[in-house]
N, C-alpha and C. Protein backbone atom coordinates (compact mmCIF):
# COMPACT_ATOMS: atom_id res chain seq x y z
N ASP A 1 98.41 93.52 84.38
CA ASP A 1 99.26 93.41 85.55
C ASP A 1 100.16 94.63 85.67
N CYS A 2 100.52 94.93 86.90
CA CYS A 2 101.35 96.11 87.13
C CYS A 2 102.73 95.68 87.62
N ILE A 3 103.79 96.11 86.92
CA ILE A 3 105.16 95.79 87.31
C ILE A 3 105.76 96.99 88.01
N THR A 4 106.32 96.78 89.19
CA THR A 4 106.93 97.87 89.94
C THR A 4 108.29 98.21 89.37
N PRO A 5 108.47 99.45 88.86
CA PRO A 5 109.76 99.83 88.28
C PRO A 5 110.74 100.27 89.36
N HIS A 6 112.04 100.32 89.02
CA HIS A 6 113.03 100.90 89.93
C HIS A 6 113.00 102.41 89.72
N LEU A 7 112.73 103.17 90.77
CA LEU A 7 112.58 104.61 90.64
C LEU A 7 113.67 105.34 91.41
N SER A 8 114.12 106.45 90.85
CA SER A 8 115.12 107.28 91.50
C SER A 8 114.47 108.36 92.36
N PHE A 9 113.12 108.38 92.39
CA PHE A 9 112.39 109.36 93.18
C PHE A 9 111.13 108.72 93.72
N HIS A 10 110.57 109.32 94.78
CA HIS A 10 109.31 108.83 95.35
C HIS A 10 108.16 109.54 94.64
N PRO A 11 107.34 108.81 93.87
CA PRO A 11 106.29 109.47 93.09
C PRO A 11 105.23 110.13 93.96
N ALA A 12 104.85 111.35 93.57
CA ALA A 12 103.81 112.07 94.28
C ALA A 12 102.44 111.73 93.73
N GLY A 13 102.40 111.19 92.51
CA GLY A 13 101.12 110.86 91.93
C GLY A 13 101.25 110.12 90.61
N VAL A 14 100.09 109.66 90.12
CA VAL A 14 100.01 108.93 88.86
C VAL A 14 98.88 109.52 88.03
N THR A 15 99.12 109.72 86.74
CA THR A 15 98.08 110.23 85.85
C THR A 15 97.82 109.24 84.72
N LEU A 16 96.54 108.99 84.45
CA LEU A 16 96.11 108.12 83.34
C LEU A 16 95.55 109.01 82.23
N THR A 17 96.19 108.97 81.05
CA THR A 17 95.73 109.74 79.90
C THR A 17 95.85 108.88 78.65
N GLY A 18 94.75 108.70 77.94
CA GLY A 18 94.78 107.94 76.70
C GLY A 18 95.28 106.52 76.85
N GLY A 19 94.97 105.90 78.00
CA GLY A 19 95.38 104.53 78.23
C GLY A 19 96.79 104.36 78.75
N GLU A 20 97.54 105.48 78.94
CA GLU A 20 98.91 105.41 79.43
C GLU A 20 99.01 106.01 80.83
N TYR A 21 99.75 105.33 81.71
CA TYR A 21 99.97 105.81 83.07
C TYR A 21 101.34 106.46 83.17
N LYS A 22 101.42 107.62 83.81
CA LYS A 22 102.69 108.31 84.00
C LYS A 22 102.86 108.70 85.47
N LEU A 23 104.07 108.49 86.00
CA LEU A 23 104.39 108.88 87.37
C LEU A 23 104.94 110.30 87.38
N TYR A 24 104.58 111.07 88.42
CA TYR A 24 105.04 112.45 88.53
C TYR A 24 105.66 112.72 89.89
N LYS A 25 106.68 113.57 89.90
CA LYS A 25 107.30 113.99 91.15
C LYS A 25 106.42 114.99 91.87
N SER A 26 105.73 115.84 91.12
CA SER A 26 104.91 116.91 91.71
C SER A 26 103.54 116.41 92.10
N GLY A 27 103.02 116.94 93.23
CA GLY A 27 101.68 116.60 93.68
C GLY A 27 100.67 117.66 93.29
N LYS A 28 101.09 118.65 92.50
CA LYS A 28 100.20 119.73 92.08
C LYS A 28 99.37 119.28 90.89
N MET A 29 98.04 119.48 90.97
CA MET A 29 97.15 119.04 89.90
C MET A 29 96.76 120.20 88.99
N THR A 30 96.68 119.94 87.68
CA THR A 30 96.11 120.88 86.72
C THR A 30 95.05 120.14 85.93
N GLU A 31 94.00 120.83 85.53
CA GLU A 31 92.89 120.19 84.82
C GLU A 31 93.31 119.78 83.41
N LYS A 32 92.94 118.58 83.02
CA LYS A 32 93.20 118.09 81.68
C LYS A 32 92.09 117.14 81.31
N ALA A 33 91.33 117.50 80.29
CA ALA A 33 90.16 116.71 79.88
C ALA A 33 90.55 115.28 79.56
N GLY A 34 89.78 114.34 80.09
CA GLY A 34 90.01 112.94 79.78
C GLY A 34 91.04 112.25 80.63
N SER A 35 91.65 112.97 81.58
CA SER A 35 92.68 112.39 82.43
C SER A 35 92.16 112.10 83.83
N ILE A 36 92.75 111.11 84.48
CA ILE A 36 92.46 110.79 85.88
C ILE A 36 93.77 110.81 86.64
N THR A 37 93.80 111.50 87.78
CA THR A 37 95.03 111.63 88.55
C THR A 37 94.85 111.11 89.97
N TRP A 38 95.81 110.32 90.43
CA TRP A 38 95.85 109.83 91.80
C TRP A 38 97.01 110.51 92.51
N ILE A 39 96.77 111.16 93.64
CA ILE A 39 97.83 111.81 94.40
C ILE A 39 98.07 111.05 95.69
N ASN A 40 99.31 110.68 95.95
CA ASN A 40 99.65 109.96 97.16
C ASN A 40 99.51 110.88 98.36
N LYS A 41 98.65 110.51 99.30
CA LYS A 41 98.41 111.35 100.47
C LYS A 41 99.13 110.85 101.71
N GLY A 42 99.87 109.75 101.59
CA GLY A 42 100.63 109.26 102.74
C GLY A 42 99.77 108.59 103.79
N GLU A 43 100.36 108.36 104.96
CA GLU A 43 99.64 107.73 106.05
C GLU A 43 98.58 108.68 106.60
N VAL A 44 97.38 108.17 106.79
CA VAL A 44 96.27 109.00 107.27
C VAL A 44 95.59 108.30 108.43
N GLU A 45 95.30 109.05 109.49
CA GLU A 45 94.61 108.50 110.65
C GLU A 45 93.36 109.32 110.95
N ALA A 46 92.30 108.64 111.37
CA ALA A 46 91.07 109.32 111.76
C ALA A 46 91.01 109.43 113.27
N ILE A 47 91.01 110.67 113.79
CA ILE A 47 90.96 110.90 115.22
C ILE A 47 90.43 112.31 115.48
N HIS A 48 89.67 112.48 116.53
CA HIS A 48 89.13 113.77 116.93
C HIS A 48 88.33 114.44 115.80
N GLY A 49 87.58 113.63 115.05
CA GLY A 49 86.65 114.17 114.07
C GLY A 49 87.25 114.56 112.73
N TYR A 50 88.54 114.23 112.49
CA TYR A 50 89.18 114.59 111.23
C TYR A 50 90.10 113.48 110.76
N LEU A 51 90.43 113.51 109.45
CA LEU A 51 91.52 112.72 108.93
C LEU A 51 92.79 113.56 109.06
N TRP A 52 93.89 112.92 109.49
CA TRP A 52 95.16 113.62 109.67
C TRP A 52 96.22 112.98 108.78
N ASP A 53 96.83 113.77 107.92
CA ASP A 53 97.84 113.32 106.99
C ASP A 53 99.21 113.35 107.67
N GLU A 54 99.72 112.18 108.04
CA GLU A 54 101.00 112.09 108.76
C GLU A 54 102.18 111.94 107.80
N ASP A 55 103.27 112.65 108.08
CA ASP A 55 104.45 112.53 107.25
C ASP A 55 105.71 112.64 108.12
N THR A 56 106.45 111.53 108.22
CA THR A 56 107.69 111.51 109.00
C THR A 56 108.79 112.24 108.26
N GLY A 57 109.63 112.97 109.00
CA GLY A 57 110.72 113.72 108.39
C GLY A 57 110.29 115.06 107.84
N THR A 58 109.19 115.60 108.37
CA THR A 58 108.70 116.91 107.92
C THR A 58 108.20 117.71 109.12
N SER A 59 108.01 119.00 108.90
CA SER A 59 107.43 119.88 109.91
C SER A 59 106.48 120.87 109.24
N LEU A 60 105.70 121.57 110.06
CA LEU A 60 104.80 122.62 109.57
C LEU A 60 105.26 123.96 110.12
N SER A 61 104.94 125.01 109.41
CA SER A 61 105.38 126.35 109.82
C SER A 61 104.32 127.06 110.66
N GLY A 62 104.74 128.06 111.41
CA GLY A 62 103.83 128.93 112.17
C GLY A 62 103.19 128.25 113.36
N TYR A 63 103.00 128.99 114.45
CA TYR A 63 102.33 128.46 115.63
C TYR A 63 100.94 129.10 115.78
N SER A 64 99.94 128.26 116.04
CA SER A 64 98.58 128.76 116.21
C SER A 64 98.30 129.12 117.67
N ASP A 65 99.16 128.68 118.59
CA ASP A 65 99.04 129.06 120.00
C ASP A 65 100.41 128.97 120.65
N ASN A 66 100.50 129.33 121.92
CA ASN A 66 101.78 129.34 122.62
C ASN A 66 102.01 128.10 123.49
N THR A 67 101.11 127.12 123.37
CA THR A 67 101.17 125.94 124.23
C THR A 67 102.10 124.87 123.66
N VAL A 68 102.88 124.27 124.54
CA VAL A 68 103.68 123.10 124.18
C VAL A 68 102.97 121.87 124.73
N TYR A 69 102.54 120.97 123.85
CA TYR A 69 101.80 119.79 124.26
C TYR A 69 102.74 118.61 124.46
N LYS A 70 102.42 117.76 125.44
CA LYS A 70 103.31 116.65 125.81
C LYS A 70 103.10 115.40 124.98
N ASP A 71 101.93 115.28 124.33
CA ASP A 71 101.69 114.10 123.50
C ASP A 71 100.90 114.47 122.26
N ARG A 72 100.94 113.59 121.28
CA ARG A 72 100.32 113.85 119.98
C ARG A 72 98.81 114.02 120.07
N ASP A 73 98.12 113.10 120.78
CA ASP A 73 96.67 113.14 120.82
C ASP A 73 96.13 114.42 121.44
N THR A 74 96.79 114.91 122.48
CA THR A 74 96.37 116.16 123.11
C THR A 74 96.53 117.32 122.13
N ALA A 75 97.63 117.31 121.39
CA ALA A 75 97.87 118.37 120.42
C ALA A 75 96.85 118.31 119.27
N LEU A 76 96.57 117.10 118.77
CA LEU A 76 95.59 116.96 117.69
C LEU A 76 94.20 117.38 118.14
N LYS A 77 93.85 117.05 119.38
CA LYS A 77 92.54 117.45 119.90
C LYS A 77 92.44 118.96 119.99
N ALA A 78 93.51 119.62 120.46
CA ALA A 78 93.52 121.08 120.55
C ALA A 78 93.40 121.69 119.16
N CYS A 79 94.11 121.11 118.21
CA CYS A 79 94.07 121.61 116.84
C CYS A 79 92.68 121.47 116.22
N SER A 80 92.02 120.36 116.53
CA SER A 80 90.70 120.09 115.93
C SER A 80 89.64 121.09 116.37
N THR A 81 89.85 121.76 117.50
CA THR A 81 88.87 122.72 118.02
C THR A 81 89.31 124.17 117.78
N SER A 82 90.44 124.35 117.12
CA SER A 82 90.97 125.69 116.87
C SER A 82 90.55 126.20 115.50
N ASN A 83 90.31 127.51 115.40
CA ASN A 83 89.95 128.12 114.13
C ASN A 83 91.18 128.49 113.29
N THR A 84 92.36 128.44 113.92
CA THR A 84 93.57 128.86 113.21
C THR A 84 94.57 127.73 112.99
N CYS A 85 94.36 126.60 113.64
CA CYS A 85 95.30 125.48 113.54
C CYS A 85 95.04 124.65 112.28
N SER A 86 96.12 124.33 111.55
CA SER A 86 96.03 123.50 110.35
C SER A 86 96.69 122.14 110.52
N GLY A 87 97.45 122.00 111.61
CA GLY A 87 98.13 120.73 111.82
C GLY A 87 99.03 120.78 113.03
N VAL A 88 99.78 119.70 113.25
CA VAL A 88 100.62 119.55 114.44
C VAL A 88 102.00 119.04 114.02
N THR A 89 103.04 119.52 114.70
CA THR A 89 104.40 119.03 114.48
C THR A 89 104.99 118.50 115.78
N LYS A 90 105.58 117.30 115.70
CA LYS A 90 106.36 116.78 116.83
C LYS A 90 107.77 117.31 116.66
N GLU A 91 108.18 118.23 117.55
CA GLU A 91 109.48 118.87 117.42
C GLU A 91 110.58 118.14 118.19
N GLY A 92 110.17 117.27 119.11
CA GLY A 92 111.12 116.51 119.91
C GLY A 92 110.37 115.61 120.86
N GLN A 93 111.08 114.90 121.71
CA GLN A 93 110.44 114.01 122.67
C GLN A 93 109.56 114.80 123.63
N GLY A 94 108.24 114.53 123.59
CA GLY A 94 107.30 115.23 124.46
C GLY A 94 107.09 116.69 124.11
N VAL A 95 107.41 117.07 122.88
CA VAL A 95 107.23 118.46 122.44
C VAL A 95 106.41 118.47 121.14
N TYR A 96 105.14 118.84 121.25
CA TYR A 96 104.22 118.92 120.12
C TYR A 96 103.66 120.33 120.04
N ARG A 97 103.63 120.91 118.84
CA ARG A 97 103.13 122.26 118.66
C ARG A 97 102.03 122.29 117.60
N CYS A 98 101.02 123.13 117.83
CA CYS A 98 99.96 123.35 116.85
C CYS A 98 100.41 124.41 115.85
N ASN A 99 100.21 124.13 114.57
CA ASN A 99 100.74 124.99 113.51
C ASN A 99 99.66 125.60 112.62
N THR A 100 100.05 126.66 111.92
CA THR A 100 99.16 127.31 110.95
C THR A 100 99.50 126.90 109.52
N GLY A 101 100.70 126.36 109.30
CA GLY A 101 101.13 125.97 107.96
C GLY A 101 100.34 124.79 107.43
N THR A 102 100.18 124.72 106.11
CA THR A 102 99.38 123.66 105.48
C THR A 102 100.20 122.77 104.54
N THR A 103 101.52 122.92 104.57
CA THR A 103 102.40 122.14 103.68
C THR A 103 103.51 121.47 104.48
N HIS A 104 103.70 120.16 104.26
CA HIS A 104 104.81 119.45 104.89
C HIS A 104 106.14 119.99 104.35
N LYS A 105 107.05 120.39 105.24
CA LYS A 105 108.38 120.83 104.83
C LYS A 105 109.42 119.86 105.39
N LEU A 106 110.42 119.54 104.57
CA LEU A 106 111.42 118.56 104.97
C LEU A 106 112.15 118.97 106.24
N ASP A 107 112.17 118.04 107.20
CA ASP A 107 112.87 118.25 108.47
C ASP A 107 113.07 116.86 109.07
N SER A 108 114.25 116.29 108.89
CA SER A 108 114.48 114.88 109.19
C SER A 108 114.22 114.49 110.64
N ALA A 109 114.28 115.45 111.58
CA ALA A 109 114.14 115.11 113.00
C ALA A 109 112.70 115.24 113.50
N ARG A 110 111.78 115.61 112.62
CA ARG A 110 110.42 115.88 113.07
C ARG A 110 109.37 115.06 112.32
N THR A 111 108.14 115.05 112.85
CA THR A 111 106.99 114.43 112.21
C THR A 111 105.82 115.40 112.28
N SER A 112 105.06 115.50 111.20
CA SER A 112 103.94 116.45 111.20
C SER A 112 102.65 115.79 110.72
N TRP A 113 101.53 116.37 111.16
CA TRP A 113 100.19 115.91 110.81
C TRP A 113 99.39 117.10 110.31
N ILE A 114 98.82 117.00 109.09
CA ILE A 114 97.99 118.06 108.54
C ILE A 114 96.52 117.65 108.66
N GLN A 115 95.71 118.57 109.15
CA GLN A 115 94.27 118.33 109.31
C GLN A 115 93.61 118.29 107.93
N LYS A 116 92.86 117.20 107.69
CA LYS A 116 92.20 117.04 106.39
C LYS A 116 90.68 117.02 106.56
N THR A 117 90.02 116.10 105.86
CA THR A 117 88.56 116.05 105.83
C THR A 117 87.94 115.75 107.19
N SER A 118 86.83 116.41 107.49
CA SER A 118 86.04 116.09 108.68
C SER A 118 85.40 114.72 108.49
N VAL A 119 85.36 113.91 109.56
CA VAL A 119 84.79 112.57 109.45
C VAL A 119 83.87 112.27 110.64
N VAL A 120 82.95 111.33 110.42
CA VAL A 120 82.13 110.79 111.49
C VAL A 120 82.22 109.26 111.41
N THR A 121 82.01 108.60 112.52
CA THR A 121 82.08 107.14 112.56
C THR A 121 80.76 106.56 113.06
N HIS A 122 80.23 105.58 112.33
CA HIS A 122 79.03 104.87 112.74
C HIS A 122 79.29 103.38 112.58
N GLN A 123 79.08 102.62 113.65
CA GLN A 123 79.28 101.17 113.62
C GLN A 123 80.65 100.81 113.06
N LYS A 124 81.67 101.54 113.50
CA LYS A 124 83.05 101.33 113.09
C LYS A 124 83.31 101.61 111.62
N THR A 125 82.35 102.24 110.95
CA THR A 125 82.51 102.62 109.55
C THR A 125 82.73 104.13 109.46
N LEU A 126 83.72 104.52 108.69
CA LEU A 126 84.10 105.92 108.59
C LEU A 126 83.40 106.58 107.41
N PHE A 127 82.88 107.80 107.64
CA PHE A 127 82.25 108.59 106.58
C PHE A 127 82.92 109.96 106.53
N SER A 128 83.42 110.36 105.35
CA SER A 128 83.95 111.71 105.17
C SER A 128 82.80 112.68 104.97
N VAL A 129 82.88 113.85 105.60
CA VAL A 129 81.79 114.83 105.55
C VAL A 129 82.15 115.94 104.57
N LEU A 130 81.32 116.12 103.54
CA LEU A 130 81.54 117.16 102.54
C LEU A 130 80.35 118.11 102.47
N PRO A 131 80.37 119.22 103.21
CA PRO A 131 79.28 120.21 103.12
C PRO A 131 79.26 120.85 101.73
N GLY A 132 78.07 121.09 101.20
CA GLY A 132 77.95 121.75 99.91
C GLY A 132 78.01 120.82 98.72
N TYR A 133 77.87 119.50 98.96
CA TYR A 133 77.90 118.52 97.88
C TYR A 133 76.84 117.45 98.08
N THR A 134 76.40 116.86 96.96
CA THR A 134 75.46 115.75 97.01
C THR A 134 75.98 114.59 96.18
N LEU A 135 75.55 113.39 96.49
CA LEU A 135 75.89 112.20 95.73
C LEU A 135 74.77 111.88 94.75
N ASP A 136 75.07 111.13 93.70
CA ASP A 136 74.01 110.77 92.75
C ASP A 136 73.38 109.43 93.12
N LYS A 137 72.32 109.09 92.43
CA LYS A 137 71.54 107.87 92.63
C LYS A 137 71.07 107.74 94.08
N LEU A 138 70.36 108.78 94.55
CA LEU A 138 69.85 108.77 95.91
C LEU A 138 68.63 107.86 96.01
N ASP A 139 68.58 107.06 97.06
CA ASP A 139 67.43 106.21 97.32
C ASP A 139 66.25 107.08 97.76
N LYS A 140 65.04 106.74 97.34
CA LYS A 140 63.87 107.57 97.64
C LYS A 140 63.42 107.48 99.10
N THR A 141 63.81 106.42 99.78
CA THR A 141 63.40 106.24 101.18
C THR A 141 64.06 107.28 102.07
N VAL A 142 63.24 107.97 102.89
CA VAL A 142 63.75 108.99 103.80
C VAL A 142 64.19 108.32 105.10
N GLN A 143 65.42 108.59 105.52
CA GLN A 143 65.93 108.08 106.79
C GLN A 143 65.75 109.15 107.87
N ALA A 144 65.42 108.72 109.08
CA ALA A 144 65.01 109.66 110.13
C ALA A 144 66.16 110.47 110.72
N SER A 145 67.38 109.95 110.65
CA SER A 145 68.49 110.62 111.30
C SER A 145 69.81 110.23 110.64
N GLU A 146 70.89 110.89 111.05
CA GLU A 146 72.21 110.54 110.54
C GLU A 146 72.55 109.09 110.89
N ALA A 147 72.27 108.70 112.11
CA ALA A 147 72.58 107.33 112.54
C ALA A 147 71.78 106.31 111.75
N ALA A 148 70.50 106.61 111.48
CA ALA A 148 69.66 105.69 110.72
C ALA A 148 70.14 105.58 109.28
N ALA A 149 70.54 106.71 108.71
CA ALA A 149 71.03 106.70 107.33
C ALA A 149 72.34 105.92 107.24
N ALA A 150 73.22 106.10 108.22
CA ALA A 150 74.48 105.37 108.23
C ALA A 150 74.23 103.87 108.36
N ALA A 151 73.31 103.49 109.25
CA ALA A 151 73.00 102.07 109.45
C ALA A 151 72.43 101.44 108.18
N ALA A 152 71.55 102.19 107.49
CA ALA A 152 70.96 101.69 106.25
C ALA A 152 72.03 101.54 105.17
N CYS A 153 72.97 102.47 105.14
CA CYS A 153 74.05 102.43 104.14
C CYS A 153 74.98 101.25 104.40
N ILE A 154 75.33 101.04 105.65
CA ILE A 154 76.26 99.98 106.01
C ILE A 154 75.71 98.60 105.64
N LYS A 155 74.40 98.46 105.67
CA LYS A 155 73.76 97.18 105.34
C LYS A 155 73.86 96.84 103.85
N LYS A 156 74.11 97.87 103.01
CA LYS A 156 74.15 97.66 101.56
C LYS A 156 75.59 97.77 101.05
N ASP A 157 76.09 96.71 100.44
CA ASP A 157 77.47 96.70 99.95
C ASP A 157 77.71 97.75 98.86
N ASP A 158 76.63 98.10 98.12
CA ASP A 158 76.81 99.05 97.02
C ASP A 158 76.49 100.49 97.43
N CYS A 159 76.27 100.74 98.72
CA CYS A 159 75.99 102.09 99.18
C CYS A 159 77.29 102.88 99.27
N THR A 160 77.31 104.07 98.67
CA THR A 160 78.51 104.90 98.66
C THR A 160 78.50 105.98 99.74
N GLY A 161 77.38 106.12 100.45
CA GLY A 161 77.27 107.12 101.49
C GLY A 161 75.83 107.57 101.65
N PHE A 162 75.63 108.72 102.27
CA PHE A 162 74.28 109.27 102.38
C PHE A 162 74.34 110.79 102.36
N VAL A 163 73.19 111.39 102.09
CA VAL A 163 73.11 112.85 101.91
C VAL A 163 72.04 113.43 102.81
N LYS A 164 72.37 114.54 103.45
CA LYS A 164 71.40 115.30 104.25
C LYS A 164 71.02 116.55 103.49
N LYS A 165 69.71 116.77 103.32
CA LYS A 165 69.22 117.98 102.67
C LYS A 165 67.86 118.34 103.26
N GLY A 166 67.75 119.56 103.77
CA GLY A 166 66.48 120.01 104.35
C GLY A 166 66.02 119.17 105.53
N GLY A 167 66.96 118.65 106.31
CA GLY A 167 66.59 117.84 107.47
C GLY A 167 66.26 116.40 107.15
N LYS A 168 66.36 116.01 105.87
CA LYS A 168 66.07 114.65 105.46
C LYS A 168 67.34 113.96 104.99
N TYR A 169 67.41 112.64 105.23
CA TYR A 169 68.58 111.86 104.87
C TYR A 169 68.19 110.79 103.84
N HIS A 170 69.04 110.62 102.83
CA HIS A 170 68.84 109.59 101.82
C HIS A 170 70.17 108.89 101.57
N ILE A 171 70.17 107.57 101.50
CA ILE A 171 71.40 106.86 101.17
C ILE A 171 71.64 106.98 99.67
N ALA A 172 72.90 106.82 99.26
CA ALA A 172 73.27 106.97 97.85
C ALA A 172 73.89 105.69 97.32
N LEU A 173 73.65 105.43 96.04
CA LEU A 173 74.20 104.26 95.37
C LEU A 173 75.11 104.65 94.21
N GLY A 174 75.30 105.95 94.01
CA GLY A 174 76.08 106.43 92.87
C GLY A 174 77.50 106.81 93.24
N TRP A 175 78.36 106.89 92.22
CA TRP A 175 79.77 107.20 92.42
C TRP A 175 80.10 108.68 92.30
N ALA A 176 79.24 109.44 91.64
CA ALA A 176 79.57 110.84 91.35
C ALA A 176 79.16 111.78 92.48
N VAL A 177 79.93 112.88 92.62
CA VAL A 177 79.66 113.92 93.61
C VAL A 177 79.42 115.23 92.87
N PHE A 178 78.35 115.95 93.26
CA PHE A 178 78.00 117.19 92.59
C PHE A 178 77.85 118.33 93.60
N SER A 179 78.11 119.56 93.16
CA SER A 179 77.93 120.72 94.02
C SER A 179 76.45 120.94 94.32
N ASP A 180 76.14 121.20 95.58
CA ASP A 180 74.77 121.52 96.01
C ASP A 180 74.87 122.20 97.37
N GLU A 181 74.73 123.52 97.40
CA GLU A 181 74.93 124.29 98.62
C GLU A 181 73.99 123.89 99.75
N GLU A 182 72.86 123.26 99.41
CA GLU A 182 71.87 122.90 100.42
C GLU A 182 72.10 121.50 101.00
N SER A 183 73.08 120.80 100.50
CA SER A 183 73.28 119.40 100.91
C SER A 183 74.60 119.20 101.66
N ILE A 184 74.64 118.12 102.43
CA ILE A 184 75.87 117.65 103.07
C ILE A 184 76.02 116.17 102.72
N SER A 185 77.14 115.81 102.13
CA SER A 185 77.39 114.42 101.78
C SER A 185 78.24 113.74 102.84
N TYR A 186 77.87 112.52 103.15
CA TYR A 186 78.65 111.68 104.07
C TYR A 186 79.14 110.51 103.23
N ILE A 187 80.42 110.53 102.86
CA ILE A 187 80.94 109.58 101.89
C ILE A 187 81.60 108.39 102.59
N ARG A 188 81.10 107.22 102.27
CA ARG A 188 81.60 106.00 102.89
C ARG A 188 83.04 105.75 102.45
N ASN A 189 83.95 105.62 103.40
CA ASN A 189 85.37 105.60 103.09
C ASN A 189 85.93 104.24 102.73
N ASP A 190 85.13 103.18 102.81
CA ASP A 190 85.68 101.87 102.47
C ASP A 190 85.38 101.49 101.03
N LEU A 191 84.87 102.45 100.25
CA LEU A 191 84.62 102.22 98.83
C LEU A 191 85.50 103.13 97.99
N LYS A 192 85.66 102.82 96.70
CA LYS A 192 86.53 103.60 95.82
C LYS A 192 85.77 104.79 95.23
N LEU A 193 85.13 105.56 96.08
CA LEU A 193 84.39 106.72 95.60
C LEU A 193 85.36 107.79 95.15
N ALA A 194 85.10 108.40 94.01
CA ALA A 194 86.04 109.36 93.44
C ALA A 194 85.46 110.77 93.42
N TYR A 195 86.28 111.73 93.81
CA TYR A 195 85.90 113.14 93.75
C TYR A 195 87.16 113.97 93.76
N VAL A 196 87.14 115.13 93.18
CA VAL A 196 88.37 115.90 92.97
C VAL A 196 89.13 116.20 94.26
N SER A 197 88.44 116.35 95.38
CA SER A 197 89.16 116.64 96.62
C SER A 197 88.89 115.58 97.69
N TYR A 198 88.45 114.41 97.24
CA TYR A 198 88.17 113.32 98.17
C TYR A 198 89.32 112.33 98.19
N SER A 199 89.74 111.91 99.38
CA SER A 199 90.84 110.96 99.50
C SER A 199 90.32 109.53 99.59
N MET A 200 90.78 108.68 98.69
CA MET A 200 90.37 107.28 98.64
C MET A 200 91.37 106.42 99.39
N TYR A 201 90.91 105.43 100.13
CA TYR A 201 91.78 104.57 100.94
C TYR A 201 92.02 103.25 100.24
N LEU A 202 93.29 102.95 100.00
CA LEU A 202 93.67 101.66 99.42
C LEU A 202 95.03 101.25 99.98
N ASN A 203 95.14 100.02 100.43
CA ASN A 203 96.43 99.48 100.88
C ASN A 203 97.15 100.38 101.88
N GLN A 204 96.43 100.89 102.87
CA GLN A 204 96.97 101.70 103.95
C GLN A 204 97.46 103.07 103.48
N TYR A 205 97.01 103.51 102.31
CA TYR A 205 97.33 104.85 101.84
C TYR A 205 96.05 105.53 101.36
N TYR A 206 96.02 106.85 101.48
CA TYR A 206 94.92 107.63 100.95
C TYR A 206 95.36 108.30 99.66
N TRP A 207 94.45 108.32 98.69
CA TRP A 207 94.75 108.92 97.40
C TRP A 207 93.64 109.89 97.02
N GLN A 208 94.01 111.07 96.47
CA GLN A 208 93.02 111.97 95.92
C GLN A 208 92.73 111.55 94.49
N VAL A 209 91.45 111.45 94.15
CA VAL A 209 91.10 110.91 92.84
C VAL A 209 90.09 111.79 92.12
N PRO A 210 90.51 112.60 91.13
CA PRO A 210 89.54 113.35 90.35
C PRO A 210 89.09 112.51 89.16
N GLY A 211 88.21 111.57 89.40
CA GLY A 211 87.71 110.68 88.36
C GLY A 211 86.60 109.84 88.93
N ARG A 212 86.27 108.71 88.29
CA ARG A 212 85.15 107.93 88.80
C ARG A 212 85.63 106.72 89.59
N ASN A 213 86.26 105.77 89.00
CA ASN A 213 86.69 104.58 89.75
C ASN A 213 88.20 104.51 89.84
N GLY A 214 88.69 103.92 90.94
CA GLY A 214 90.13 103.81 91.15
C GLY A 214 90.70 102.57 90.50
N HIS A 215 92.01 102.54 90.36
CA HIS A 215 92.71 101.38 89.80
C HIS A 215 93.71 100.90 90.84
N SER A 216 93.35 99.84 91.57
CA SER A 216 94.19 99.38 92.65
C SER A 216 95.56 98.90 92.18
N ALA A 217 95.70 98.58 90.90
CA ALA A 217 96.98 98.11 90.38
C ALA A 217 98.05 99.20 90.44
N LEU A 218 97.64 100.47 90.57
CA LEU A 218 98.61 101.55 90.61
C LEU A 218 99.35 101.62 91.95
N ILE A 219 98.73 101.11 93.00
CA ILE A 219 99.29 101.29 94.33
C ILE A 219 100.68 100.68 94.49
N PRO A 220 100.99 99.50 93.89
CA PRO A 220 102.33 98.95 94.06
C PRO A 220 103.44 99.84 93.51
N LEU A 221 103.11 100.86 92.71
CA LEU A 221 104.12 101.76 92.18
C LEU A 221 104.80 102.53 93.30
N LEU A 222 104.23 102.57 94.48
CA LEU A 222 104.85 103.24 95.61
C LEU A 222 105.91 102.36 96.25
């Protein structure tokens, strides 16, 4: 069982080493053999083909264009099609700007959104898109298209996603992700799939998990 402690700070992450869990203020990761780290990614929304990391009371630096947008969705859409935009900041009522900065900076009067993983949606199921990676335990059956592979995956509770390689699609049943320049992985977001730069969704929060399986008991620590 997990007991929620009284904390004097908002934890940025949790690390499991040798059976012990430790909370950290910093969200910066360093490699350590045998450890698993969960990083709190805050509120995340899927819109306009990407996951967006929302953080109230922060702003982003630099402007990617000179346009002042009147609403959030218009600004996020513009950012999603820009080669220089990394996120959006709400600077005031009806004032949204596209930014080049990639780090939330404290600003109590503002809210910012950082562009994260590219996503696709099939049958109301979200899949994160990771070019250059493959999943393990691929099913031998070839699926004809992205939509067919997604449909086949959704039908199986133990399906973790699907992989495109050489124009062919295969659903995956494994938890591990491996580098493969010829492949594109579509990772099913409603499972606890773990990868060093993949954000896992639990209890309305996304977590980065460099390990295999998640521990939902850690979430109440927030």
